[in-house]
C-alpha atoms as a PDB file:
ATOM      1  CA  UNK A   1     112.438  71.523 110.724  1.00  0.00           C
ATOM      2  CA  UNK A   2     115.202  68.907 110.959  1.00  0.00           C
ATOM      3  CA  UNK A   3     114.762  66.113 113.500  1.00  0.00           C
ATOM      4  CA  UNK A   4     116.267  66.718 116.906  1.00  0.00           C
ATOM      5  CA  UNK A   5     119.370  64.510 117.307  1.00  0.00           C
ATOM      6  CA  UNK A   6     118.076  62.610 120.333  1.00  0.00           C
ATOM      7  CA  UNK A   7     118.484  58.839 120.310  1.00  0.00           C
ATOM      8  CA  UNK A   8     115.250  56.999 121.205  1.00  0.00           C
ATOM      9  CA  UNK A   9     113.029  60.055 121.695  1.00  0.00           C
ATOM     10  CA  UNK A  10     109.762  59.412 123.492  1.00  0.00           C
ATOM     11  CA  UNK A  11     106.702  60.079 121.261  1.00  0.00           C
ATOM     12  CA  UNK A  12     105.693  63.054 123.406  1.00  0.00           C
ATOM     13  CA  UNK A  13     108.814  64.955 122.324  1.00  0.00           C
ATOM     14  CA  UNK A  14     107.565  65.311 118.761  1.00  0.00           C
ATOM     15  CA  UNK A  15     104.094  66.286 119.998  1.00  0.00           C
ATOM     16  CA  UNK A  16     105.562  69.029 122.203  1.00  0.00           C
ATOM     17  CA  UNK A  17     107.816  70.332 119.418  1.00  0.00           C
ATOM     18  CA  UNK A  18     104.897  70.494 116.983  1.00  0.00           C
ATOM     19  CA  UNK A  19     102.784  72.324 119.567  1.00  0.00           C
ATOM     20  CA  UNK A  20     105.521  74.920 120.152  1.00  0.00           C
ATOM     21  CA  UNK A  21     105.990  75.477 116.400  1.00  0.00           C
ATOM     22  CA  UNK A  22     102.269  76.036 115.802  1.00  0.00           C
ATOM     23  CA  UNK A  23     101.865  78.205 118.916  1.00  0.00           C
ATOM     24  CA  UNK A  24     104.728  80.385 117.659  1.00  0.00           C
ATOM     25  CA  UNK A  25     102.901  81.115 114.401  1.00  0.00           C
ATOM     26  CA  UNK A  26      99.756  82.199 116.244  1.00  0.00           C
ATOM     27  CA  UNK A  27     101.654  84.340 118.766  1.00  0.00           C
ATOM     28  CA  UNK A  28     103.640  86.161 116.064  1.00  0.00           C
ATOM     29  CA  UNK A  29     100.502  86.808 114.007  1.00  0.00           C
ATOM     30  CA  UNK A  30      99.033  88.639 117.017  1.00  0.00           C
ATOM     31  CA  UNK A  31     102.327  90.281 118.140  1.00  0.00           C
ATOM     32  CA  UNK A  32     102.372  92.873 115.368  1.00  0.00           C
ATOM     33  CA  UNK A  33      98.646  93.655 115.467  1.00  0.00           C
ATOM     34  CA  UNK A  34      96.276  95.412 117.875  1.00  0.00           C
ATOM     35  CA  UNK A  35      95.071  92.964 120.505  1.00  0.00           C
ATOM     36  CA  UNK A  36      93.057  92.855 123.697  1.00  0.00           C
ATOM     37  CA  UNK A  37      94.840  92.880 127.070  1.00  0.00           C
ATOM     38  CA  UNK A  38      93.135  92.232 130.394  1.00  0.00           C
ATOM     39  CA  UNK A  39      94.197  91.680 134.007  1.00  0.00           C
ATOM     40  CA  UNK A  40      93.735  88.342 135.777  1.00  0.00           C
ATOM     41  CA  UNK A  41      92.732  87.886 139.428  1.00  0.00           C
ATOM     42  CA  UNK A  42      96.401  87.737 140.485  1.00  0.00           C
ATOM     43  CA  UNK A  43      96.982  91.143 138.802  1.00  0.00           C
ATOM     44  CA  UNK A  44      99.077  89.645 135.997  1.00  0.00           C
ATOM     45  CA  UNK A  45      98.282  90.594 132.393  1.00  0.00           C
ATOM     46  CA  UNK A  46      96.784  88.250 129.815  1.00  0.00           C
ATOM     47  CA  UNK A  47      96.427  88.794 126.076  1.00  0.00           C
ATOM     48  CA  UNK A  48      94.736  87.206 123.105  1.00  0.00           C
ATOM     49  CA  UNK A  49      98.112  85.579 122.337  1.00  0.00           C
ATOM     50  CA  UNK A  50      98.195  83.718 125.692  1.00  0.00           C
ATOM     51  CA  UNK A  51      94.733  82.293 125.032  1.00  0.00           C
ATOM     52  CA  UNK A  52      95.326  81.387 121.385  1.00  0.00           C
ATOM     53  CA  UNK A  53      98.647  79.696 122.211  1.00  0.00           C
ATOM     54  CA  UNK A  54      96.957  77.765 125.024  1.00  0.00           C
ATOM     55  CA  UNK A  55      94.199  76.580 122.709  1.00  0.00           C
ATOM     56  CA  UNK A  56      96.699  75.350 120.078  1.00  0.00           C
ATOM     57  CA  UNK A  57      98.971  73.617 122.583  1.00  0.00           C
ATOM     58  CA  UNK A  58      96.041  71.791 124.194  1.00  0.00           C
ATOM     59  CA  UNK A  59      94.875  70.605 120.783  1.00  0.00           C
ATOM     60  CA  UNK A  60      98.248  68.917 120.195  1.00  0.00           C
ATOM     61  CA  UNK A  61      98.832  67.609 123.717  1.00  0.00           C
ATOM     62  CA  UNK A  62      95.340  66.142 123.972  1.00  0.00           C
ATOM     63  CA  UNK A  63      96.427  63.577 121.341  1.00  0.00           C
ATOM     64  CA  UNK A  64      98.221  61.901 124.255  1.00  0.00           C
ATOM     65  CA  UNK A  65      96.405  60.450 127.273  1.00  0.00           C
ATOM     66  CA  UNK A  66      98.085  62.801 129.769  1.00  0.00           C
ATOM     67  CA  UNK A  67      96.221  65.509 131.658  1.00  0.00           C
ATOM     68  CA  UNK A  68      97.334  69.126 131.198  1.00  0.00           C
ATOM     69  CA  UNK A  69      98.117  71.683 133.892  1.00  0.00           C
ATOM     70  CA  UNK A  70      98.203  75.061 132.143  1.00  0.00           C
ATOM     71  CA  UNK A  71      98.582  78.559 133.525  1.00  0.00           C
ATOM     72  CA  UNK A  72      95.537  79.656 131.553  1.00  0.00           C
ATOM     73  CA  UNK A  73      93.085  76.935 132.628  1.00  0.00           C
ATOM     74  CA  UNK A  74      91.213  76.235 135.835  1.00  0.00           C
ATOM     75  CA  UNK A  75      93.026  73.579 137.836  1.00  0.00           C
ATOM     76  CA  UNK A  76      90.501  71.041 139.141  1.00  0.00           C
ATOM     77  CA  UNK A  77      93.378  69.063 140.751  1.00  0.00           C
ATOM     78  CA  UNK A  78      92.216  65.757 139.263  1.00  0.00           C
ATOM     79  CA  UNK A  79      95.789  65.659 137.883  1.00  0.00           C
ATOM     80  CA  UNK A  80      97.051  64.841 141.408  1.00  0.00           C
ATOM     81  CA  UNK A  81      96.073  61.188 140.957  1.00  0.00           C
ATOM     82  CA  UNK A  82      98.038  60.946 137.690  1.00  0.00           C
ATOM     83  CA  UNK A  83     101.613  59.657 137.450  1.00  0.00           C
ATOM     84  CA  UNK A  84     102.346  61.628 134.256  1.00  0.00           C
ATOM     85  CA  UNK A  85     101.033  65.075 133.284  1.00  0.00           C
ATOM     86  CA  UNK A  86     101.843  67.960 130.945  1.00  0.00           C
ATOM     87  CA  UNK A  87     102.690  71.326 132.520  1.00  0.00           C
ATOM     88  CA  UNK A  88     102.300  74.311 130.179  1.00  0.00           C
ATOM     89  CA  UNK A  89     102.909  78.039 130.116  1.00  0.00           C
ATOM     90  CA  UNK A  90     101.450  79.072 126.739  1.00  0.00           C
ATOM     91  CA  UNK A  91     103.153  82.492 126.857  1.00  0.00           C
ATOM     92  CA  UNK A  92     105.836  83.016 129.491  1.00  0.00           C
ATOM     93  CA  UNK A  93     106.704  86.687 129.723  1.00  0.00           C
ATOM     94  CA  UNK A  94     103.387  88.304 128.832  1.00  0.00           C
ATOM     95  CA  UNK A  95     104.690  91.685 130.066  1.00  0.00           C
ATOM     96  CA  UNK A  96     107.595  91.365 127.616  1.00  0.00           C
ATOM     97  CA  UNK A  97     105.119  90.488 124.866  1.00  0.00           C
ATOM     98  CA  UNK A  98     103.143  93.649 125.668  1.00  0.00           C
ATOM     99  CA  UNK A  99     106.320  95.777 125.921  1.00  0.00           C
ATOM    100  CA  UNK A 100     107.553  94.300 122.609  1.00  0.00           C
ATOM    101  CA  UNK A 101     110.985  93.304 123.971  1.00  0.00           C
ATOM    102  CA  UNK A 102     110.826  90.013 122.037  1.00  0.00           C
ATOM    103  CA  UNK A 103     111.823  88.155 125.202  1.00  0.00           C
ATOM    104  CA  UNK A 104     108.863  85.836 125.713  1.00  0.00           C
ATOM    105  CA  UNK A 105     108.607  82.074 125.344  1.00  0.00           C
ATOM    106  CA  UNK A 106     106.304  79.061 125.063  1.00  0.00           C
ATOM    107  CA  UNK A 107     106.959  76.369 127.681  1.00  0.00           C
ATOM    108  CA  UNK A 108     105.891  72.720 127.646  1.00  0.00           C
ATOM    109  CA  UNK A 109     107.048  70.028 130.079  1.00  0.00           C
ATOM    110  CA  UNK A 110     106.132  66.404 130.619  1.00  0.00           C
ATOM    111  CA  UNK A 111     106.310  65.422 134.291  1.00  0.00           C
ATOM    112  CA  UNK A 112     106.447  61.844 135.544  1.00  0.00           C
ATOM    113  CA  UNK A 113     106.468  60.935 139.245  1.00  0.00           C
ATOM    114  CA  UNK A 114     106.867  64.633 140.123  1.00  0.00           C
ATOM    115  CA  UNK A 115     109.971  65.128 137.923  1.00  0.00           C
ATOM    116  CA  UNK A 116     110.177  66.739 134.456  1.00  0.00           C
ATOM    117  CA  UNK A 117     111.288  64.135 131.909  1.00  0.00           C
ATOM    118  CA  UNK A 118     110.806  66.386 128.879  1.00  0.00           C
ATOM    119  CA  UNK A 119     111.204  70.118 128.413  1.00  0.00           C
ATOM    120  CA  UNK A 120     110.569  72.235 125.307  1.00  0.00           C
ATOM    121  CA  UNK A 121     110.862  76.031 125.256  1.00  0.00           C
ATOM    122  CA  UNK A 122     110.151  78.032 122.115  1.00  0.00           C
ATOM    123  CA  UNK A 123     111.435  81.602 121.608  1.00  0.00           C
ATOM    124  CA  UNK A 124     109.059  82.863 118.912  1.00  0.00           C
ATOM    125  CA  UNK A 125     110.769  86.098 117.807  1.00  0.00           C
ATOM    126  CA  UNK A 126     114.119  84.342 117.230  1.00  0.00           C
ATOM    127  CA  UNK A 127     112.731  81.068 115.812  1.00  0.00           C
ATOM    128  CA  UNK A 128     114.774  79.293 118.487  1.00  0.00           C
ATOM    129  CA  UNK A 129     113.838  76.196 120.506  1.00  0.00           C
ATOM    130  CA  UNK A 130     115.468  74.699 123.598  1.00  0.00           C
ATOM    131  CA  UNK A 131     114.612  71.039 124.178  1.00  0.00           C
ATOM    132  CA  UNK A 132     115.673  68.176 126.412  1.00  0.00           C
ATOM    133  CA  UNK A 133     114.643  64.657 127.298  1.00  0.00           C
ATOM    134  CA  UNK A 134     115.760  63.081 130.577  1.00  0.00           C
ATOM    135  CA  UNK A 135     119.009  61.188 130.141  1.00  0.00           C
ATOM    136  CA  UNK A 136     119.410  62.300 126.501  1.00  0.00           C
ATOM    137  CA  UNK A 137     121.056  65.741 126.713  1.00  0.00           C
ATOM    138  CA  UNK A 138     119.889  69.283 125.966  1.00  0.00           C
ATOM    139  CA  UNK A 139     119.665  70.887 122.525  1.00  0.00           C
ATOM    140  CA  UNK A 140     119.025  74.260 120.926  1.00  0.00           C
ATOM    141  CA  UNK A 141     117.516  74.832 117.507  1.00  0.00           C
ATOM    142  CA  UNK A 142     118.578  78.070 115.805  1.00  0.00           C
ATOM    143  CA  UNK A 143     119.556  79.081 112.268  1.00  0.00           C
ATOM    144  CA  UNK A 144     117.809  75.907 111.016  1.00  0.00           C
ATOM    145  CA  UNK A 145     120.215  73.654 112.929  1.00  0.00           C
ATOM    146  CA  UNK A 146     120.081  71.622 116.136  1.00  0.00           C
ATOM    147  CA  UNK A 147     123.160  71.713 118.378  1.00  0.00           C
ATOM    148  CA  UNK A 148     123.811  70.157 121.772  1.00  0.00           C
ATOM    149  CA  UNK A 149     124.197  72.706 124.568  1.00  0.00           C
ATOM    150  CA  UNK A 150     125.908  72.638 127.957  1.00  0.00           C
ATOM    151  CA  UNK A 151     126.710  74.898 130.887  1.00  0.00           C
ATOM    152  CA  UNK A 152     130.068  76.609 131.493  1.00  0.00           C
ATOM    153  CA  UNK A 153     132.833  75.288 133.748  1.00  0.00           C
ATOM    154  CA  UNK A 154     133.325  78.601 135.587  1.00  0.00           C
ATOM    155  CA  UNK A 155     133.571  78.099 139.344  1.00  0.00           C
ATOM    156  CA  UNK A 156     134.662  81.550 140.611  1.00  0.00           C
ATOM    157  CA  UNK A 157     131.721  83.775 141.467  1.00  0.00           C
ATOM    158  CA  UNK A 158     133.558  86.963 140.476  1.00  0.00           C
ATOM    159  CA  UNK A 159     133.912  85.624 136.923  1.00  0.00           C
ATOM    160  CA  UNK A 160     130.265  84.640 136.613  1.00  0.00           C
ATOM    161  CA  UNK A 161     127.454  86.307 134.697  1.00  0.00           C
ATOM    162  CA  UNK A 162     124.078  86.506 136.409  1.00  0.00           C
ATOM    163  CA  UNK A 163     120.734  86.983 134.693  1.00  0.00           C
ATOM    164  CA  UNK A 164     117.565  88.221 136.349  1.00  0.00           C
ATOM    165  CA  UNK A 165     114.053  89.398 135.759  1.00  0.00           C
ATOM    166  CA  UNK A 166     113.376  92.669 133.983  1.00  0.00           C
ATOM    167  CA  UNK A 167     109.998  93.134 135.663  1.00  0.00           C
ATOM    168  CA  UNK A 168     110.278  91.419 139.041  1.00  0.00           C
ATOM    169  CA  UNK A 169     113.852  91.898 140.348  1.00  0.00           C
ATOM    170  CA  UNK A 170     113.671  92.892 144.025  1.00  0.00           C
ATOM    171  CA  UNK A 171     116.106  95.118 145.928  1.00  0.00           C
ATOM    172  CA  UNK A 172     116.906  92.116 148.126  1.00  0.00           C
ATOM    173  CA  UNK A 173     117.942  90.098 145.065  1.00  0.00           C
ATOM    174  CA  UNK A 174     120.050  92.971 143.668  1.00  0.00           C
ATOM    175  CA  UNK A 175     121.881  93.370 146.982  1.00  0.00           C
ATOM    176  CA  UNK A 176     122.476  89.620 147.277  1.00  0.00           C
ATOM    177  CA  UNK A 177     123.960  89.387 143.758  1.00  0.00           C
ATOM    178  CA  UNK A 178     126.299  92.292 144.603  1.00  0.00           C
ATOM    179  CA  UNK A 179     127.234  90.626 147.900  1.00  0.00           C
ATOM    180  CA  UNK A 180     128.222  87.484 145.962  1.00  0.00           C
ATOM    181  CA  UNK A 181     130.736  89.596 144.020  1.00  0.00           C
ATOM    182  CA  UNK A 182     128.982  89.011 140.691  1.00  0.00           C
ATOM    183  CA  UNK A 183     129.359  92.259 138.762  1.00  0.00           C
ATOM    184  CA  UNK A 184     128.181  91.087 135.360  1.00  0.00           C
ATOM    185  CA  UNK A 185     124.383  91.216 135.531  1.00  0.00           C
ATOM    186  CA  UNK A 186     121.831  91.303 132.697  1.00  0.00           C
ATOM    187  CA  UNK A 187     118.041  91.682 132.894  1.00  0.00           C
ATOM    188  CA  UNK A 188     116.198  89.381 130.527  1.00  0.00           C
ATOM    189  CA  UNK A 189     112.594  88.274 130.191  1.00  0.00           C
ATOM    190  CA  UNK A 190     110.879  84.921 130.693  1.00  0.00           C
ATOM    191  CA  UNK A 191     112.514  81.480 130.703  1.00  0.00           C
ATOM    192  CA  UNK A 192     115.258  82.828 128.428  1.00  0.00           C
ATOM    193  CA  UNK A 193     117.276  83.287 131.624  1.00  0.00           C
ATOM    194  CA  UNK A 194     117.557  79.510 132.001  1.00  0.00           C
ATOM    195  CA  UNK A 195     118.103  79.167 128.246  1.00  0.00           C
ATOM    196  CA  UNK A 196     121.164  81.426 128.582  1.00  0.00           C
ATOM    197  CA  UNK A 197     122.625  79.380 131.440  1.00  0.00           C
ATOM    198  CA  UNK A 198     121.904  76.079 129.675  1.00  0.00           C
ATOM    199  CA  UNK A 199     123.671  77.403 126.561  1.00  0.00           C
ATOM    200  CA  UNK A 200     126.766  78.545 128.456  1.00  0.00           C
ATOM    201  CA  UNK A 201     125.997  82.270 128.101  1.00  0.00           C
ATOM    202  CA  UNK A 202     125.527  82.910 131.851  1.00  0.00           C
ATOM    203  CA  UNK A 203     126.056  81.071 135.119  1.00  0.00           C
ATOM    204  CA  UNK A 204     123.369  82.074 137.619  1.00  0.00           C
ATOM    205  CA  UNK A 205     119.736  83.075 138.025  1.00  0.00           C
ATOM    206  CA  UNK A 206     118.487  83.891 141.514  1.00  0.00           C
ATOM    207  CA  UNK A 207     114.922  84.671 142.525  1.00  0.00           C
ATOM    208  CA  UNK A 208     113.639  84.721 146.095  1.00  0.00           C
ATOM    209  CA  UNK A 209     109.960  85.298 145.303  1.00  0.00           C
ATOM    210  CA  UNK A 210     107.252  82.766 146.201  1.00  0.00           C
ATOM    211  CA  UNK A 211     105.243  83.803 143.133  1.00  0.00           C
ATOM    212  CA  UNK A 212     106.956  81.447 140.673  1.00  0.00           C
ATOM    213  CA  UNK A 213     104.709  78.538 139.777  1.00  0.00           C
ATOM    214  CA  UNK A 214     105.310  75.063 138.383  1.00  0.00           C
ATOM    215  CA  UNK A 215     104.599  76.129 134.781  1.00  0.00           C
ATOM    216  CA  UNK A 216     107.269  78.855 135.107  1.00  0.00           C
ATOM    217  CA  UNK A 217     110.013  76.287 135.702  1.00  0.00           C
ATOM    218  CA  UNK A 218     109.062  72.724 134.679  1.00  0.00           C
ATOM    219  CA  UNK A 219     110.409  72.830 131.092  1.00  0.00           C
ATOM    220  CA  UNK A 220     113.485  74.766 132.259  1.00  0.00           C
ATOM    221  CA  UNK A 221     114.190  72.179 134.961  1.00  0.00           C
ATOM    222  CA  UNK A 222     114.624  69.400 132.412  1.00  0.00           C
ATOM    223  CA  UNK A 223     116.715  71.539 130.066  1.00  0.00           C
ATOM    224  CA  UNK A 224     119.149  72.901 132.694  1.00  0.00           C
ATOM    225  CA  UNK A 225     119.538  69.434 134.255  1.00  0.00           C
ATOM    226  CA  UNK A 226     120.354  67.838 130.896  1.00  0.00           C
ATOM    227  CA  UNK A 227     122.760  70.696 130.053  1.00  0.00           C
ATOM    228  CA  UNK A 228     124.770  69.815 133.171  1.00  0.00           C
ATOM    229  CA  UNK A 229     123.459  72.580 135.435  1.00  0.00           C
ATOM    230  CA  UNK A 230     121.291  72.602 138.510  1.00  0.00           C
ATOM    231  CA  UNK A 231     117.935  73.987 139.681  1.00  0.00           C
ATOM    232  CA  UNK A 232     116.776  73.967 143.310  1.00  0.00           C
ATOM    233  CA  UNK A 233     114.916  76.315 145.597  1.00  0.00           C
ATOM    234  CA  UNK A 234     116.939  78.932 147.531  1.00  0.00           C
ATOM    235  CA  UNK A 235     117.203  76.562 150.507  1.00  0.00           C
ATOM    236  CA  UNK A 236     118.823  73.875 148.341  1.00  0.00           C
ATOM    237  CA  UNK A 237     115.771  71.613 148.146  1.00  0.00           C
ATOM    238  CA  UNK A 238     115.111  69.837 144.860  1.00  0.00           C
ATOM    239  CA  UNK A 239     111.963  71.002 143.087  1.00  0.00           C
ATOM    240  CA  UNK A 240     109.018  68.666 142.587  1.00  0.00           C
ATOM    241  CA  UNK A 241     106.012  69.006 140.296  1.00  0.00           C
ATOM    242  CA  UNK A 242     102.337  68.062 140.123  1.00  0.00           C
ATOM    243  CA  UNK A 243     101.818  69.270 143.699  1.00  0.00           C
ATOM    244  CA  UNK A 244      98.584  70.530 145.227  1.00  0.00           C
ATOM    245  CA  UNK A 245     100.137  73.979 145.787  1.00  0.00           C
ATOM    246  CA  UNK A 246     101.744  75.019 142.492  1.00  0.00           C
ATOM    247  CA  UNK A 247     103.817  77.910 143.902  1.00  0.00           C
ATOM    248  CA  UNK A 248     107.516  77.375 144.550  1.00  0.00           C
ATOM    249  CA  UNK A 249     107.494  78.574 148.152  1.00  0.00           C
ATOM    250  CA  UNK A 250     111.235  79.275 148.564  1.00  0.00           C
ATOM    251  CA  UNK A 251     112.337  80.930 145.333  1.00  0.00           C
ATOM    252  CA  UNK A 252     114.511  79.339 142.654  1.00  0.00           C
ATOM    253  CA  UNK A 253     118.252  79.078 142.066  1.00  0.00           C
ATOM    254  CA  UNK A 254     119.547  78.038 138.641  1.00  0.00           C
ATOM    255  CA  UNK A 255     123.296  77.701 138.029  1.00  0.00           C
ATOM    256  CA  UNK A 256     125.940  75.878 136.016  1.00  0.00           C
ATOM    257  CA  UNK A 257     126.164  73.531 139.015  1.00  0.00           C
ATOM    258  CA  UNK A 258     129.714  74.450 140.020  1.00  0.00           C
ATOM    259  CA  UNK A 259     128.741  77.605 141.915  1.00  0.00           C
ATOM    260  CA  UNK A 260     125.443  76.291 143.268  1.00  0.00           C
ATOM    261  CA  UNK A 261     126.518  75.409 146.804  1.00  0.00           C
ATOM    262  CA  UNK A 262     128.549  78.610 147.197  1.00  0.00           C
ATOM    263  CA  UNK A 263     125.443  80.697 146.475  1.00  0.00           C
ATOM    264  CA  UNK A 264     123.270  78.568 148.791  1.00  0.00           C
ATOM    265  CA  UNK A 265     125.806  78.993 151.613  1.00  0.00           C
ATOM    266  CA  UNK A 266     125.856  82.766 151.197  1.00  0.00           C
ATOM    267  CA  UNK A 267     122.065  82.880 151.097  1.00  0.00           C
ATOM    268  CA  UNK A 268     121.859  80.959 154.400  1.00  0.00           C
ATOM    269  CA  UNK A 269     123.851  83.787 156.033  1.00  0.00           C
ATOM    270  CA  UNK A 270     121.107  86.252 155.083  1.00  0.00           C
ATOM    271  CA  UNK A 271     118.315  84.314 156.733  1.00  0.00           C
END
């Protein structure tokens, strides 16, 4: 793979990219075969691919001195005393993996002082990577090339495209998107929703659930921010990371930035 065109990359960027590349190989080798699936305590599915990806990613990230918060490991909360930690979702979109939609990702973020300073998202089936480092821009790797990405400049809600979850879209969210006057809506799996907005292929992603956790958004946060967009909760609060409670309590709103406040204002009227 060609080097990402980021000036003065921090050493962790290369580590995260290598981890995503190797995790992809393992995930795809399992994707086409028969594999074990089980249900976790929170009723979400887990497969052999989640565990194998987690194992590979930890092997790479443990070369650094930073602790790792991963969806697939017990959280002993010793990380809370650390200034800098990794936050990992080894396979985001396990249901899409099982359903063979191809819309699942590998997510790695480096968080410093509660803010993501590095985000890498791999899309295994398309051999695509989204990556960003704080203050250095956002990039996408596809067709063996890196290119800088950015959000759209659309500011009228009626002209916007919204993306939402295939498996978890609630009736409340559907009604709210219609109320906003956004008619162009596409269901898509995993963190690819934020990848689409960061790449200028959509403008908004709205989720009101309190089930999203830090590993579901940390890498995306860095990428959308560096692409010129915005991510907050549905009340307009900025998101922070490496917290004792890892759930985002008030949903998540991701936009191109220009329509962000309009959506927040409309959401306030629902409360």
